[in-house]
């Protein structure tokens, strides 16, 4: 059975329409996933990552303010503590990395990603995952002082994993899909 030029042209038109629909769905899913990831990251910095008893003046701790609390900590003598300064600087760096991740997500949602955006997203993703692991260390230190895990660290962890998944290179995704 031979096909005519009209049938081939019609099939190509249908194929082009289907390709355009698939690309539109992929774009919509990426924008939705990036928006949810941004909401998780924002929730992670705005909700407490360490909570405690109501009578504890130092808790709850929020990522948006904890770096400044740690950097401004003074003991009874009025001197600074090296551990608090180090933790404060690490939390401040994590806060800046989350800001960078939000800017990358804004570029993804706004479809304004340039040629360097992919590399910047990968670097941000690595620092974000490492920063969240470091935050869990800080939370672990707080748990030893009668603190409790707050919702912020959970949301930030899920958001960091979602961000890492979003910025994975295609080769890693293909390897994962083959497993």
Protein backbone atom coordinates (compact mmCIF):
# COMPACT_ATOMS: atom_id res chain seq x y z
CA UNK A 1 0.00 0.00 0.00
CA UNK A 2 1.61 3.21 -1.16
CA UNK A 3 1.17 6.53 0.57
CA UNK A 4 0.59 9.69 -1.35
CA UNK A 5 2.31 13.01 -0.82
CA UNK A 6 -0.89 14.37 0.73
CA UNK A 7 -0.93 11.61 3.34
CA UNK A 8 2.75 12.18 4.18
CA UNK A 9 2.14 15.92 4.52
CA UNK A 10 -0.85 15.28 6.79
CA UNK A 11 1.17 12.88 8.96
CA UNK A 12 3.99 15.40 9.28
CA UNK A 13 1.50 18.10 10.31
CA UNK A 14 -0.01 15.82 12.97
CA UNK A 15 3.46 14.88 14.22
CA UNK A 16 4.39 18.55 14.48
CA UNK A 17 1.22 19.31 16.45
CA UNK A 18 1.88 16.43 18.83
CA UNK A 19 5.49 17.54 19.32
CA UNK A 20 4.28 21.07 20.16
CA UNK A 21 1.76 19.69 22.68
CA UNK A 22 4.41 17.53 24.37
CA UNK A 23 6.79 20.49 24.61
CA UNK A 24 4.00 22.63 26.12
CA UNK A 25 3.27 19.93 28.72
CA UNK A 26 6.97 19.58 29.56
CA UNK A 27 7.25 23.34 29.99
CA UNK A 28 4.15 23.47 32.19
CA UNK A 29 5.41 20.60 34.35
CA UNK A 30 8.84 22.22 34.73
CA UNK A 31 7.29 25.55 35.73
CA UNK A 32 4.97 23.83 38.22
CA UNK A 33 7.83 21.77 39.69
CA UNK A 34 10.07 24.86 39.95
CA UNK A 35 7.27 26.82 41.64
CA UNK A 36 6.68 24.07 44.21
CA UNK A 37 10.43 23.85 44.83
CA UNK A 38 10.58 27.61 45.39
CA UNK A 39 7.68 27.39 47.85
CA UNK A 40 9.46 24.61 49.75
CA UNK A 41 12.68 26.64 49.94
CA UNK A 42 10.80 29.74 51.10
CA UNK A 43 8.96 27.70 53.72
CA UNK A 44 12.30 26.31 54.84
CA UNK A 45 13.75 29.71 55.58
CA UNK A 46 10.58 31.24 57.05
CA UNK A 47 9.54 28.39 59.38
CA UNK A 48 11.61 27.42 62.44
CA UNK A 49 14.26 24.79 61.88
CA UNK A 50 14.75 24.19 65.60
CA UNK A 51 12.05 24.50 68.24
CA UNK A 52 11.96 23.97 71.98
CA UNK A 53 10.07 24.62 75.17
CA UNK A 54 8.09 27.82 75.57
CA UNK A 55 10.34 28.91 78.45
CA UNK A 56 13.51 28.69 76.32
CA UNK A 57 14.40 32.20 75.12
CA UNK A 58 16.84 31.00 72.43
CA UNK A 59 14.30 28.86 70.56
CA UNK A 60 12.68 28.68 68.02
CA UNK A 61 15.39 29.38 65.46
CA UNK A 62 14.53 30.57 61.96
CA UNK A 63 17.03 30.40 59.10
CA UNK A 64 16.19 33.95 58.12
CA UNK A 65 17.33 35.30 61.52
CA UNK A 66 19.55 32.60 63.09
CA UNK A 67 22.77 33.72 61.35
CA UNK A 68 22.45 37.18 62.86
CA UNK A 69 21.56 35.78 66.29
CA UNK A 70 24.64 33.53 66.20
CA UNK A 71 26.94 36.30 64.96
CA UNK A 72 25.64 38.65 67.65
CA UNK A 73 25.95 36.12 70.48
CA UNK A 74 27.89 37.25 73.55
CA UNK A 75 28.53 35.21 76.66
CA UNK A 76 28.21 36.51 80.21
CA UNK A 77 31.61 38.21 79.96
CA UNK A 78 30.59 40.04 76.80
CA UNK A 79 33.02 38.18 74.57
CA UNK A 80 32.19 36.29 71.40
CA UNK A 81 32.25 32.54 71.01
CA UNK A 82 34.19 31.07 68.05
CA UNK A 83 31.66 28.26 67.63
CA UNK A 84 28.75 30.71 67.42
CA UNK A 85 30.62 32.85 64.90
CA UNK A 86 31.39 29.82 62.73
CA UNK A 87 27.79 28.59 62.88
CA UNK A 88 26.52 32.11 62.16
CA UNK A 89 28.74 32.43 59.08
CA UNK A 90 27.72 28.96 57.84
CA UNK A 91 24.02 29.77 58.25
CA UNK A 92 24.50 33.10 56.52
CA UNK A 93 26.19 31.31 53.61
CA UNK A 94 23.29 28.83 53.47
CA UNK A 95 20.85 31.73 53.39
CA UNK A 96 22.73 33.24 50.44
CA UNK A 97 22.76 29.87 48.64
CA UNK A 98 18.98 29.56 49.12
CA UNK A 99 18.66 33.06 47.66
CA UNK A 100 20.74 31.97 44.69
CA UNK A 101 18.55 28.87 44.25
CA UNK A 102 15.44 31.04 44.26
CA UNK A 103 16.96 33.26 41.57
CA UNK A 104 17.76 30.19 39.44
CA UNK A 105 14.18 28.98 39.87
CA UNK A 106 12.93 32.42 38.89
CA UNK A 107 15.00 32.17 35.70
CA UNK A 108 13.53 28.73 35.00
CA UNK A 109 9.94 29.86 35.58
CA UNK A 110 10.44 33.08 33.63
CA UNK A 111 12.11 31.23 30.75
CA UNK A 112 14.99 33.68 30.93
CA UNK A 113 17.70 31.10 31.47
CA UNK A 114 20.89 32.10 29.70
CA UNK A 115 23.89 30.00 28.65
CA UNK A 116 25.54 30.16 32.09
CA UNK A 117 22.38 29.38 34.03
CA UNK A 118 22.84 25.61 33.84
CA UNK A 119 26.36 25.77 35.29
CA UNK A 120 25.28 28.23 37.98
CA UNK A 121 22.32 25.99 38.84
CA UNK A 122 24.63 22.97 39.24
CA UNK A 123 27.00 24.89 41.53
CA UNK A 124 24.08 26.23 43.55
CA UNK A 125 22.57 22.74 43.81
CA UNK A 126 25.79 21.27 45.20
CA UNK A 127 26.17 24.05 47.76
CA UNK A 128 22.48 23.81 48.67
CA UNK A 129 22.65 20.08 49.39
CA UNK A 130 25.90 20.49 51.38
CA UNK A 131 24.40 23.44 53.27
CA UNK A 132 21.30 21.46 54.22
CA UNK A 133 23.52 18.61 55.46
CA UNK A 134 25.38 21.17 57.57
CA UNK A 135 22.06 22.50 58.86
CA UNK A 136 21.18 18.99 60.03
CA UNK A 137 24.45 19.03 62.02
CA UNK A 138 23.36 22.29 63.67
CA UNK A 139 19.94 20.78 64.36
CA UNK A 140 21.65 17.71 65.85
CA UNK A 141 23.59 19.98 68.21
CA UNK A 142 20.32 21.65 69.16
CA UNK A 143 18.66 18.29 69.78
CA UNK A 144 21.33 17.49 72.33
CA UNK A 145 20.24 20.67 74.16
CA UNK A 146 16.55 19.67 74.43
CA UNK A 147 15.55 21.22 71.10
CA UNK A 148 13.15 19.63 68.62
CA UNK A 149 13.30 19.40 64.84
CA UNK A 150 11.21 22.16 63.32
CA UNK A 151 9.28 22.09 60.05
CA UNK A 152 11.71 24.48 58.38
CA UNK A 153 14.57 21.99 58.14
CA UNK A 154 12.25 19.34 56.69
CA UNK A 155 10.84 21.70 54.05
CA UNK A 156 14.32 22.98 53.21
CA UNK A 157 15.61 19.40 52.85
CA UNK A 158 12.79 18.43 50.51
CA UNK A 159 13.26 21.67 48.58
CA UNK A 160 17.01 21.05 48.23
CA UNK A 161 16.40 17.54 46.91
CA UNK A 162 13.79 18.85 44.47
CA UNK A 163 16.19 21.57 43.33
CA UNK A 164 18.98 19.03 42.85
CA UNK A 165 16.63 16.86 40.78
CA UNK A 166 15.64 19.86 38.67
CA UNK A 167 19.22 20.81 37.84
CA UNK A 168 20.63 17.32 37.24
CA UNK A 169 22.33 17.05 33.88
CA UNK A 170 20.63 14.97 31.22
CA UNK A 171 23.35 12.28 31.30
CA UNK A 172 22.71 11.58 34.98
CA UNK A 173 18.95 11.48 34.38
CA UNK A 174 19.44 9.00 31.53
CA UNK A 175 21.69 6.84 33.72
CA UNK A 176 19.07 6.91 36.50
CA UNK A 177 16.25 6.05 34.08
CA UNK A 178 18.22 3.02 32.82
CA UNK A 179 18.48 1.56 36.35
